[in-house]
Amino acid sequence: MYEVKILPKIPSRKPDTHKGDYGRILVLAGSCGMTGAAYLCSKAALRAGAGLVTLGIPESLQGIVASKLTCVMTHPLPETHLKTLSELGRQDILDFSQRFDVVAIGPGLSQYLETRRLVLWLLQSLDCPIVLDADGIHALADNLDVLRQIKKQIILTPHPGEMARLMGVSSTQEIQSKRLEVSRIFIRGRKNVTLVLKGHQTLVVNEDRFYVNKTGNPGMATAGAGDVLTGMIAAFLGQNYSPFEAAQLGAYLHGMAGDLAVQETGEMSLIATDILNKLPKALMVYRESIGV
């Protein structure tokens, strides 16, 4: 395994182009009280260049997110009595997913048992690349054998606490004290998995290589920041970057957006929407820095 230090380029768009050239992303996110996570992930996917983003949301919550997501389409799905995604939506989601290039799963989904069963079924059934975060990772944690059933590629984006659950250890300190070693152990033998271990100097790891991200700041330890990253990675994956490259770009530009935002807010007042709002500037600065 070798360290990668060069980041991918982001080319200029051709004049003769359309939204379908830049990835169709389906986001499955949100539950009662957690519509913000769905909003942040979906909006970040658009800001990171996806041509089309649709949010699959529990049906009673559609009006809430539709009023905020002017440029994101919404798709109401069957829900449980707790207003989380229901297993009754299995076939609807599977059929609907065939229109998309990437599916992002997890932000704000809840850990309700029926919703967790739905996530596990989808991981084994979807025929497109997946970005899995937050409650999606919690569903996977006790069912790692499901990773063998993934049909395409999957990118996992755990924070240290979620990584501890994936590794079956009780303390995040064990993860934080040997982040690269733990990541290498987890990824071993899983050729279709790319791991993004979030935190200070976020790691991107697959079976062949790793990348240590140097952008970002402590102010980004705030609710919703990870949801923004998930949307960004899904967008880059939909723009035909490899899973490793999509995760690299996502981590770097997410941190850069946070660094731009913190200059105005300071670390204590930084919130996830500040990161989201600085993504356009981060992309422009990045493209200028590599001479595009």
C-alpha atoms as a PDB file:
ATOM      1  CA  MET A   1       0.000   0.000   0.000  1.00  0.00           C
ATOM      2  CA  TYR A   2       1.402   3.400  -0.957  1.00  0.00           C
ATOM      3  CA  GLU A   3       0.544   7.005  -0.074  1.00  0.00           C
ATOM      4  CA  VAL A   4      -1.063   9.193  -2.733  1.00  0.00           C
ATOM      5  CA  LYS A   5      -0.241  12.909  -2.564  1.00  0.00           C
ATOM      6  CA  ILE A   6      -1.469  14.139  -5.942  1.00  0.00           C
ATOM      7  CA  LEU A   7      -5.096  15.193  -6.219  1.00  0.00           C
ATOM      8  CA  PRO A   8      -7.244  14.730  -9.336  1.00  0.00           C
ATOM      9  CA  LYS A   9      -7.879  17.639 -11.676  1.00  0.00           C
ATOM     10  CA  ILE A  10     -11.301  19.108 -12.301  1.00  0.00           C
ATOM     11  CA  PRO A  11     -11.518  19.870 -16.038  1.00  0.00           C
ATOM     12  CA  SER A  12     -13.521  22.674 -17.595  1.00  0.00           C
ATOM     13  CA  ARG A  13     -16.940  21.737 -18.905  1.00  0.00           C
ATOM     14  CA  LYS A  14     -17.448  21.465 -22.628  1.00  0.00           C
ATOM     15  CA  PRO A  15     -19.804  23.984 -24.272  1.00  0.00           C
ATOM     16  CA  ASP A  16     -21.958  21.221 -25.769  1.00  0.00           C
ATOM     17  CA  THR A  17     -23.086  19.512 -22.583  1.00  0.00           C
ATOM     18  CA  HIS A  18     -26.146  18.741 -20.469  1.00  0.00           C
ATOM     19  CA  LYS A  19     -27.005  17.801 -16.892  1.00  0.00           C
ATOM     20  CA  GLY A  20     -26.885  14.086 -17.623  1.00  0.00           C
ATOM     21  CA  ASP A  21     -23.158  14.364 -18.287  1.00  0.00           C
ATOM     22  CA  TYR A  22     -22.429  15.200 -14.658  1.00  0.00           C
ATOM     23  CA  GLY A  23     -24.121  12.456 -12.726  1.00  0.00           C
ATOM     24  CA  ARG A  24     -27.593  11.633 -11.488  1.00  0.00           C
ATOM     25  CA  ILE A  25     -27.508  11.223  -7.712  1.00  0.00           C
ATOM     26  CA  LEU A  26     -30.203   9.642  -5.544  1.00  0.00           C
ATOM     27  CA  VAL A  27     -29.995  10.548  -1.850  1.00  0.00           C
ATOM     28  CA  LEU A  28     -31.877   8.386   0.657  1.00  0.00           C
ATOM     29  CA  ALA A  29     -31.921  10.403   3.849  1.00  0.00           C
ATOM     30  CA  GLY A  30     -33.992  12.037   6.546  1.00  0.00           C
ATOM     31  CA  SER A  31     -36.504  11.130   9.219  1.00  0.00           C
ATOM     32  CA  CYS A  32     -38.668  13.023  11.681  1.00  0.00           C
ATOM     33  CA  GLY A  33     -36.472  15.689  13.270  1.00  0.00           C
ATOM     34  CA  MET A  34     -33.581  14.972  10.869  1.00  0.00           C
ATOM     35  CA  THR A  35     -34.630  16.696   7.654  1.00  0.00           C
ATOM     36  CA  GLY A  36     -31.612  18.992   7.956  1.00  0.00           C
ATOM     37  CA  ALA A  37     -29.254  16.105   7.235  1.00  0.00           C
ATOM     38  CA  ALA A  38     -31.167  15.286   4.059  1.00  0.00           C
ATOM     39  CA  TYR A  39     -31.067  18.949   3.015  1.00  0.00           C
ATOM     40  CA  LEU A  40     -27.318  19.326   3.586  1.00  0.00           C
ATOM     41  CA  CYS A  41     -26.386  16.139   1.741  1.00  0.00           C
ATOM     42  CA  SER A  42     -28.600  16.854  -1.268  1.00  0.00           C
ATOM     43  CA  LYS A  43     -27.578  20.509  -1.580  1.00  0.00           C
ATOM     44  CA  ALA A  44     -23.882  19.620  -1.263  1.00  0.00           C
ATOM     45  CA  ALA A  45     -24.189  17.123  -4.121  1.00  0.00           C
ATOM     46  CA  LEU A  46     -25.497  19.883  -6.361  1.00  0.00           C
ATOM     47  CA  ARG A  47     -22.850  22.378  -5.221  1.00  0.00           C
ATOM     48  CA  ALA A  48     -20.145  19.810  -5.970  1.00  0.00           C
ATOM     49  CA  GLY A  49     -21.258  19.643  -9.579  1.00  0.00           C
ATOM     50  CA  ALA A  50     -23.836  16.855  -9.855  1.00  0.00           C
ATOM     51  CA  GLY A  51     -26.116  17.418 -12.811  1.00  0.00           C
ATOM     52  CA  LEU A  52     -29.254  16.133 -11.128  1.00  0.00           C
ATOM     53  CA  VAL A  53     -30.049  15.266  -7.507  1.00  0.00           C
ATOM     54  CA  THR A  54     -33.203  13.607  -6.179  1.00  0.00           C
ATOM     55  CA  LEU A  55     -33.935  13.127  -2.492  1.00  0.00           C
ATOM     56  CA  GLY A  56     -35.875  10.050  -1.407  1.00  0.00           C
ATOM     57  CA  ILE A  57     -37.641  11.038   1.805  1.00  0.00           C
ATOM     58  CA  PRO A  58     -40.395   9.643   4.075  1.00  0.00           C
ATOM     59  CA  GLU A  59     -43.612  10.789   2.437  1.00  0.00           C
ATOM     60  CA  SER A  60     -44.956  12.950   5.273  1.00  0.00           C
ATOM     61  CA  LEU A  61     -41.703  14.935   5.317  1.00  0.00           C
ATOM     62  CA  GLN A  62     -41.617  15.722   1.610  1.00  0.00           C
ATOM     63  CA  GLY A  63     -43.283  19.124   1.982  1.00  0.00           C
ATOM     64  CA  ILE A  64     -40.679  20.242   4.518  1.00  0.00           C
ATOM     65  CA  VAL A  65     -37.665  19.474   2.347  1.00  0.00           C
ATOM     66  CA  ALA A  66     -39.294  20.448  -0.955  1.00  0.00           C
ATOM     67  CA  SER A  67     -39.840  23.970   0.343  1.00  0.00           C
ATOM     68  CA  LYS A  68     -36.112  24.328   1.069  1.00  0.00           C
ATOM     69  CA  LEU A  69     -34.574  22.388  -1.819  1.00  0.00           C
ATOM     70  CA  THR A  70     -35.626  24.429  -4.837  1.00  0.00           C
ATOM     71  CA  CYS A  71     -33.079  22.799  -7.171  1.00  0.00           C
ATOM     72  CA  VAL A  72     -33.362  19.245  -5.808  1.00  0.00           C
ATOM     73  CA  MET A  73     -36.213  16.978  -6.808  1.00  0.00           C
ATOM     74  CA  THR A  74     -37.957  14.974  -4.096  1.00  0.00           C
ATOM     75  CA  HIS A  75     -39.401  11.481  -4.213  1.00  0.00           C
ATOM     76  CA  PRO A  76     -41.846  10.523  -1.404  1.00  0.00           C
ATOM     77  CA  LEU A  77     -41.387   7.024  -0.041  1.00  0.00           C
ATOM     78  CA  PRO A  78     -43.403   4.754   2.286  1.00  0.00           C
ATOM     79  CA  GLU A  79     -42.733   5.455   5.935  1.00  0.00           C
ATOM     80  CA  THR A  80     -42.988   3.764   9.314  1.00  0.00           C
ATOM     81  CA  HIS A  81     -45.169   5.107  12.120  1.00  0.00           C
ATOM     82  CA  LEU A  82     -42.064   6.973  13.336  1.00  0.00           C
ATOM     83  CA  LYS A  83     -41.720   8.745   9.971  1.00  0.00           C
ATOM     84  CA  THR A  84     -38.627   6.845   8.893  1.00  0.00           C
ATOM     85  CA  LEU A  85     -38.149   4.958   5.624  1.00  0.00           C
ATOM     86  CA  SER A  86     -40.177   1.741   5.572  1.00  0.00           C
ATOM     87  CA  GLU A  87     -39.411  -1.671   4.097  1.00  0.00           C
ATOM     88  CA  LEU A  88     -42.603  -1.236   2.084  1.00  0.00           C
ATOM     89  CA  GLY A  89     -40.543   1.022  -0.182  1.00  0.00           C
ATOM     90  CA  ARG A  90     -38.085  -1.689  -1.208  1.00  0.00           C
ATOM     91  CA  GLN A  91     -39.256  -2.214  -4.778  1.00  0.00           C
ATOM     92  CA  ASP A  92     -40.032   1.457  -5.328  1.00  0.00           C
ATOM     93  CA  ILE A  93     -36.480   2.432  -4.381  1.00  0.00           C
ATOM     94  CA  LEU A  94     -34.916  -0.406  -6.378  1.00  0.00           C
ATOM     95  CA  ASP A  95     -36.880   0.456  -9.513  1.00  0.00           C
ATOM     96  CA  PHE A  96     -36.333   4.189  -9.089  1.00  0.00           C
ATOM     97  CA  SER A  97     -32.579   3.740  -8.525  1.00  0.00           C
ATOM     98  CA  GLN A  98     -32.135   2.457 -12.065  1.00  0.00           C
ATOM     99  CA  ARG A  99     -32.387   6.067 -13.269  1.00  0.00           C
ATOM    100  CA  PHE A 100     -29.336   7.091 -11.242  1.00  0.00           C
ATOM    101  CA  ASP A 101     -25.564   6.750 -11.373  1.00  0.00           C
ATOM    102  CA  VAL A 102     -24.907   6.849  -7.620  1.00  0.00           C
ATOM    103  CA  VAL A 103     -26.970   6.340  -4.463  1.00  0.00           C
ATOM    104  CA  ALA A 104     -26.019   8.070  -1.189  1.00  0.00           C
ATOM    105  CA  ILE A 105     -27.566   6.455   1.890  1.00  0.00           C
ATOM    106  CA  GLY A 106     -27.613   7.370   5.541  1.00  0.00           C
ATOM    107  CA  PRO A 107     -27.805  11.009   6.660  1.00  0.00           C
ATOM    108  CA  GLY A 108     -30.551  11.361   9.246  1.00  0.00           C
ATOM    109  CA  LEU A 109     -32.207   8.015   8.432  1.00  0.00           C
ATOM    110  CA  SER A 110     -32.553   7.012  12.116  1.00  0.00           C
ATOM    111  CA  GLN A 111     -31.567   3.707  13.686  1.00  0.00           C
ATOM    112  CA  TYR A 112     -35.088   2.321  13.782  1.00  0.00           C
ATOM    113  CA  LEU A 113     -34.952  -1.440  13.235  1.00  0.00           C
ATOM    114  CA  GLU A 114     -37.191  -1.576  10.158  1.00  0.00           C
ATOM    115  CA  THR A 115     -35.225   1.219   8.484  1.00  0.00           C
ATOM    116  CA  ARG A 116     -31.970  -0.575   9.271  1.00  0.00           C
ATOM    117  CA  ARG A 117     -33.339  -3.744   7.620  1.00  0.00           C
ATOM    118  CA  LEU A 118     -34.233  -1.681   4.558  1.00  0.00           C
ATOM    119  CA  VAL A 119     -30.687  -0.312   4.355  1.00  0.00           C
ATOM    120  CA  LEU A 120     -29.160  -3.790   4.546  1.00  0.00           C
ATOM    121  CA  TRP A 121     -31.487  -5.045   1.823  1.00  0.00           C
ATOM    122  CA  LEU A 122     -30.630  -2.103  -0.413  1.00  0.00           C
ATOM    123  CA  LEU A 123     -26.897  -2.616   0.041  1.00  0.00           C
ATOM    124  CA  GLN A 124     -27.293  -6.118  -1.362  1.00  0.00           C
ATOM    125  CA  SER A 125     -29.771  -5.174  -4.098  1.00  0.00           C
ATOM    126  CA  LEU A 126     -28.716  -1.859  -5.656  1.00  0.00           C
ATOM    127  CA  ASP A 127     -26.860  -2.169  -8.944  1.00  0.00           C
ATOM    128  CA  CYS A 128     -24.918   1.098  -8.765  1.00  0.00           C
ATOM    129  CA  PRO A 129     -22.108   2.624  -6.668  1.00  0.00           C
ATOM    130  CA  ILE A 130     -23.069   3.587  -3.108  1.00  0.00           C
ATOM    131  CA  VAL A 131     -21.867   6.180  -0.610  1.00  0.00           C
ATOM    132  CA  LEU A 132     -22.800   5.069   2.907  1.00  0.00           C
ATOM    133  CA  ASP A 133     -22.764   7.402   5.903  1.00  0.00           C
ATOM    134  CA  ALA A 134     -24.157   7.985   9.394  1.00  0.00           C
ATOM    135  CA  ASP A 135     -27.177   5.791  10.188  1.00  0.00           C
ATOM    136  CA  GLY A 136     -26.397   3.689   7.124  1.00  0.00           C
ATOM    137  CA  ILE A 137     -23.063   2.790   8.718  1.00  0.00           C
ATOM    138  CA  HIS A 138     -24.799   1.962  11.998  1.00  0.00           C
ATOM    139  CA  ALA A 139     -27.016  -0.496  10.111  1.00  0.00           C
ATOM    140  CA  LEU A 140     -23.957  -2.142   8.574  1.00  0.00           C
ATOM    141  CA  ALA A 141     -21.893  -2.329  11.758  1.00  0.00           C
ATOM    142  CA  ASP A 142     -23.281  -5.637  13.022  1.00  0.00           C
ATOM    143  CA  ASN A 143     -23.689  -7.071   9.536  1.00  0.00           C
ATOM    144  CA  LEU A 144     -20.310  -6.666   7.813  1.00  0.00           C
ATOM    145  CA  ASP A 145     -20.853  -9.819   5.762  1.00  0.00           C
ATOM    146  CA  VAL A 146     -23.238  -7.704   3.671  1.00  0.00           C
ATOM    147  CA  LEU A 147     -20.170  -6.017   2.142  1.00  0.00           C
ATOM    148  CA  ARG A 148     -19.534  -9.258   0.246  1.00  0.00           C
ATOM    149  CA  GLN A 149     -22.893  -8.864  -1.460  1.00  0.00           C
ATOM    150  CA  ILE A 150     -22.298  -5.331  -2.796  1.00  0.00           C
ATOM    151  CA  LYS A 151     -22.728  -5.444  -6.571  1.00  0.00           C
ATOM    152  CA  LYS A 152     -20.616  -2.391  -7.450  1.00  0.00           C
ATOM    153  CA  GLN A 153     -18.347  -0.114  -5.390  1.00  0.00           C
ATOM    154  CA  ILE A 154     -19.112   1.343  -1.968  1.00  0.00           C
ATOM    155  CA  ILE A 155     -17.554   4.280  -0.121  1.00  0.00           C
ATOM    156  CA  LEU A 156     -17.929   4.259   3.666  1.00  0.00           C
ATOM    157  CA  THR A 157     -17.536   7.577   5.518  1.00  0.00           C
ATOM    158  CA  PRO A 158     -17.395   6.864   9.277  1.00  0.00           C
ATOM    159  CA  HIS A 159     -16.342   9.251  12.010  1.00  0.00           C
ATOM    160  CA  PRO A 160     -14.156   7.643  14.733  1.00  0.00           C
ATOM    161  CA  GLY A 161     -17.167   6.554  16.808  1.00  0.00           C
ATOM    162  CA  GLU A 162     -18.763   4.831  13.817  1.00  0.00           C
ATOM    163  CA  MET A 163     -15.404   3.291  12.933  1.00  0.00           C
ATOM    164  CA  ALA A 164     -15.199   1.853  16.434  1.00  0.00           C
ATOM    165  CA  ARG A 165     -18.572   0.181  15.864  1.00  0.00           C
ATOM    166  CA  LEU A 166     -17.429  -1.214  12.514  1.00  0.00           C
ATOM    167  CA  MET A 167     -14.289  -2.639  14.134  1.00  0.00           C
ATOM    168  CA  GLY A 168     -16.142  -3.940  17.179  1.00  0.00           C
ATOM    169  CA  VAL A 169     -14.087  -1.966  19.703  1.00  0.00           C
ATOM    170  CA  SER A 170     -15.456  -0.064  22.678  1.00  0.00           C
ATOM    171  CA  SER A 171     -13.376   3.101  22.550  1.00  0.00           C
ATOM    172  CA  THR A 172     -12.752   5.745  19.897  1.00  0.00           C
ATOM    173  CA  GLN A 173      -9.324   6.203  21.484  1.00  0.00           C
ATOM    174  CA  GLU A 174      -8.296   2.839  20.066  1.00  0.00           C
ATOM    175  CA  ILE A 175      -9.259   4.115  16.616  1.00  0.00           C
ATOM    176  CA  GLN A 176      -7.660   7.537  16.997  1.00  0.00           C
ATOM    177  CA  SER A 177      -4.346   6.211  18.310  1.00  0.00           C
ATOM    178  CA  LYS A 178      -3.682   4.175  15.158  1.00  0.00           C
ATOM    179  CA  ARG A 179      -5.984   5.510  12.468  1.00  0.00           C
ATOM    180  CA  LEU A 180      -4.054   4.265   9.425  1.00  0.00           C
ATOM    181  CA  GLU A 181      -3.344   0.846  10.894  1.00  0.00           C
ATOM    182  CA  VAL A 182      -7.005   0.340  11.804  1.00  0.00           C
ATOM    183  CA  SER A 183      -8.109   1.491   8.346  1.00  0.00           C
ATOM    184  CA  ARG A 184      -5.722  -0.918   6.654  1.00  0.00           C
ATOM    185  CA  ILE A 185      -7.005  -3.808   8.747  1.00  0.00           C
ATOM    186  CA  PHE A 186     -10.612  -2.989   7.941  1.00  0.00           C
ATOM    187  CA  ILE A 187     -10.061  -2.612   4.207  1.00  0.00           C
ATOM    188  CA  ARG A 188      -7.973  -5.785   3.793  1.00  0.00           C
ATOM    189  CA  GLY A 189      -9.619  -8.224   1.379  1.00  0.00           C
ATOM    190  CA  ARG A 190     -12.424  -5.805   0.502  1.00  0.00           C
ATOM    191  CA  LYS A 191     -11.566  -4.759  -3.033  1.00  0.00           C
ATOM    192  CA  ASN A 192     -14.864  -2.985  -3.663  1.00  0.00           C
ATOM    193  CA  VAL A 193     -14.663  -0.804  -0.531  1.00  0.00           C
ATOM    194  CA  THR A 194     -13.136   2.652  -0.133  1.00  0.00           C
ATOM    195  CA  LEU A 195     -12.927   3.950   3.431  1.00  0.00           C
ATOM    196  CA  VAL A 196     -13.041   7.613   4.438  1.00  0.00           C
ATOM    197  CA  LEU A 197     -12.119   7.848   8.138  1.00  0.00           C
ATOM    198  CA  LYS A 198     -13.171  11.354   9.095  1.00  0.00           C
ATOM    199  CA  GLY A 199     -11.521  13.609  11.663  1.00  0.00           C
ATOM    200  CA  HIS A 200      -8.276  15.559  11.910  1.00  0.00           C
ATOM    201  CA  GLN A 201      -6.363  14.656   8.742  1.00  0.00           C
ATOM    202  CA  THR A 202      -9.151  12.568   7.242  1.00  0.00           C
ATOM    203  CA  LEU A 203      -7.895   9.318   5.733  1.00  0.00           C
ATOM    204  CA  VAL A 204      -8.969   7.874   2.387  1.00  0.00           C
ATOM    205  CA  VAL A 205      -7.984   4.214   2.093  1.00  0.00           C
ATOM    206  CA  ASN A 206      -8.551   1.347  -0.292  1.00  0.00           C
ATOM    207  CA  GLU A 207      -6.729  -1.959  -0.629  1.00  0.00           C
ATOM    208  CA  ASP A 208      -3.908  -0.459  -2.715  1.00  0.00           C
ATOM    209  CA  ARG A 209      -3.318   3.099  -1.489  1.00  0.00           C
ATOM    210  CA  PHE A 210      -4.098   5.788   1.036  1.00  0.00           C
ATOM    211  CA  TYR A 211      -4.363   9.574   1.177  1.00  0.00           C
ATOM    212  CA  VAL A 212      -3.976  11.853   4.206  1.00  0.00           C
ATOM    213  CA  ASN A 213      -6.007  15.040   3.878  1.00  0.00           C
ATOM    214  CA  LYS A 214      -4.455  18.247   5.216  1.00  0.00           C
ATOM    215  CA  THR A 215      -7.293  20.754   4.839  1.00  0.00           C
ATOM    216  CA  GLY A 216      -9.925  21.516   7.482  1.00  0.00           C
ATOM    217  CA  ASN A 217     -10.006  22.914  11.015  1.00  0.00           C
ATOM    218  CA  PRO A 218     -11.492  22.165  14.473  1.00  0.00           C
ATOM    219  CA  GLY A 219     -14.505  24.380  13.788  1.00  0.00           C
ATOM    220  CA  MET A 220     -15.742  21.685  11.425  1.00  0.00           C
ATOM    221  CA  ALA A 221     -16.539  19.440  14.398  1.00  0.00           C
ATOM    222  CA  THR A 222     -20.172  20.472  14.100  1.00  0.00           C
ATOM    223  CA  ALA A 223     -23.457  18.720  13.361  1.00  0.00           C
ATOM    224  CA  GLY A 224     -24.138  18.288   9.651  1.00  0.00           C
ATOM    225  CA  ALA A 225     -20.576  18.695   8.385  1.00  0.00           C
ATOM    226  CA  GLY A 226     -20.397  14.985   7.558  1.00  0.00           C
ATOM    227  CA  ASP A 227     -23.674  15.169   5.634  1.00  0.00           C
ATOM    228  CA  VAL A 228     -22.120  17.830   3.400  1.00  0.00           C
ATOM    229  CA  LEU A 229     -19.106  15.583   2.765  1.00  0.00           C
ATOM    230  CA  THR A 230     -21.323  12.631   1.819  1.00  0.00           C
ATOM    231  CA  GLY A 231     -23.130  14.684  -0.810  1.00  0.00           C
ATOM    232  CA  MET A 232     -19.860  15.963  -2.233  1.00  0.00           C
ATOM    233  CA  ILE A 233     -18.324  12.498  -2.563  1.00  0.00           C
ATOM    234  CA  ALA A 234     -21.476  11.181  -4.237  1.00  0.00           C
ATOM    235  CA  ALA A 235     -21.354  14.068  -6.712  1.00  0.00           C
ATOM    236  CA  PHE A 236     -17.740  13.424  -7.688  1.00  0.00           C
ATOM    237  CA  LEU A 237     -18.421   9.699  -8.012  1.00  0.00           C
ATOM    238  CA  GLY A 238     -21.254  10.582 -10.379  1.00  0.00           C
ATOM    239  CA  GLN A 239     -18.861  12.684 -12.452  1.00  0.00           C
ATOM    240  CA  ASN A 240     -16.845   9.581 -13.323  1.00  0.00           C
ATOM    241  CA  TYR A 241     -14.061   9.898 -10.800  1.00  0.00           C
ATOM    242  CA  SER A 242     -12.964   6.593  -9.302  1.00  0.00           C
ATOM    243  CA  PRO A 243     -14.187   5.934  -5.758  1.00  0.00           C
ATOM    244  CA  PHE A 244     -10.751   6.773  -4.376  1.00  0.00           C
ATOM    245  CA  GLU A 245     -10.505  10.013  -6.383  1.00  0.00           C
ATOM    246  CA  ALA A 246     -14.058  11.029  -5.484  1.00  0.00           C
ATOM    247  CA  ALA A 247     -13.269  10.556  -1.795  1.00  0.00           C
ATOM    248  CA  GLN A 248      -9.970  12.440  -2.142  1.00  0.00           C
ATOM    249  CA  LEU A 249     -11.599  15.415  -3.826  1.00  0.00           C
ATOM    250  CA  GLY A 250     -14.489  15.387  -1.403  1.00  0.00           C
ATOM    251  CA  ALA A 251     -12.258  15.394   1.672  1.00  0.00           C
ATOM    252  CA  TYR A 252      -9.905  18.057   0.333  1.00  0.00           C
ATOM    253  CA  LEU A 253     -12.555  20.479  -0.914  1.00  0.00           C
ATOM    254  CA  HIS A 254     -14.758  19.934   2.133  1.00  0.00           C
ATOM    255  CA  GLY A 255     -11.820  20.932   4.332  1.00  0.00           C
ATOM    256  CA  MET A 256     -10.954  23.858   2.086  1.00  0.00           C
ATOM    257  CA  ALA A 257     -14.526  25.135   2.237  1.00  0.00           C
ATOM    258  CA  GLY A 258     -14.322  24.889   6.018  1.00  0.00           C
ATOM    259  CA  ASP A 259     -11.044  26.806   6.016  1.00  0.00           C
ATOM    260  CA  LEU A 260     -12.575  29.563   3.894  1.00  0.00           C
ATOM    261  CA  ALA A 261     -15.663  29.728   6.094  1.00  0.00           C
ATOM    262  CA  VAL A 262     -13.747  29.866   9.380  1.00  0.00           C
ATOM    263  CA  GLN A 263     -12.032  33.074   8.268  1.00  0.00           C
ATOM    264  CA  GLU A 264     -15.418  34.772   8.548  1.00  0.00           C
ATOM    265  CA  THR A 265     -17.089  32.894  11.401  1.00  0.00           C
ATOM    266  CA  GLY A 266     -14.259  31.783  13.655  1.00  0.00           C
ATOM    267  CA  GLU A 267     -14.081  28.198  14.885  1.00  0.00           C
ATOM    268  CA  MET A 268     -16.738  28.407  17.613  1.00  0.00           C
ATOM    269  CA  SER A 269     -19.480  29.764  15.333  1.00  0.00           C
ATOM    270  CA  LEU A 270     -18.819  27.635  12.256  1.00  0.00           C
ATOM    271  CA  ILE A 271     -21.864  25.558  11.203  1.00  0.00           C
ATOM    272  CA  ALA A 272     -22.462  23.111   8.383  1.00  0.00           C
ATOM    273  CA  THR A 273     -24.274  25.587   6.147  1.00  0.00           C
ATOM    274  CA  ASP A 274     -21.179  27.815   6.291  1.00  0.00           C
ATOM    275  CA  ILE A 275     -19.180  24.961   4.768  1.00  0.00           C
ATOM    276  CA  LEU A 276     -21.881  24.400   2.182  1.00  0.00           C
ATOM    277  CA  ASN A 277     -21.949  28.066   1.229  1.00  0.00           C
ATOM    278  CA  LYS A 278     -18.184  28.154   0.658  1.00  0.00           C
ATOM    279  CA  LEU A 279     -18.088  25.172  -1.708  1.00  0.00           C
ATOM    280  CA  PRO A 280     -18.307  27.327  -4.874  1.00  0.00           C
ATOM    281  CA  LYS A 281     -15.344  29.422  -3.716  1.00  0.00           C
ATOM    282  CA  ALA A 282     -13.376  26.326  -2.736  1.00  0.00           C
ATOM    283  CA  LEU A 283     -13.902  24.815  -6.168  1.00  0.00           C
ATOM    284  CA  MET A 284     -12.786  28.022  -7.894  1.00  0.00           C
ATOM    285  CA  VAL A 285      -9.673  28.348  -5.709  1.00  0.00           C
ATOM    286  CA  TYR A 286      -8.802  24.696  -6.261  1.00  0.00           C
ATOM    287  CA  ARG A 287      -9.138  24.863 -10.037  1.00  0.00           C
ATOM    288  CA  GLU A 288      -7.050  28.020 -10.159  1.00  0.00           C
ATOM    289  CA  SER A 289      -4.352  26.425  -7.997  1.00  0.00           C
ATOM    290  CA  ILE A 290      -3.875  23.519 -10.403  1.00  0.00           C
ATOM    291  CA  GLY A 291      -3.995  25.703 -13.494  1.00  0.00           C
ATOM    292  CA  VAL A 292      -7.370  24.692 -14.912  1.00  0.00           C
END
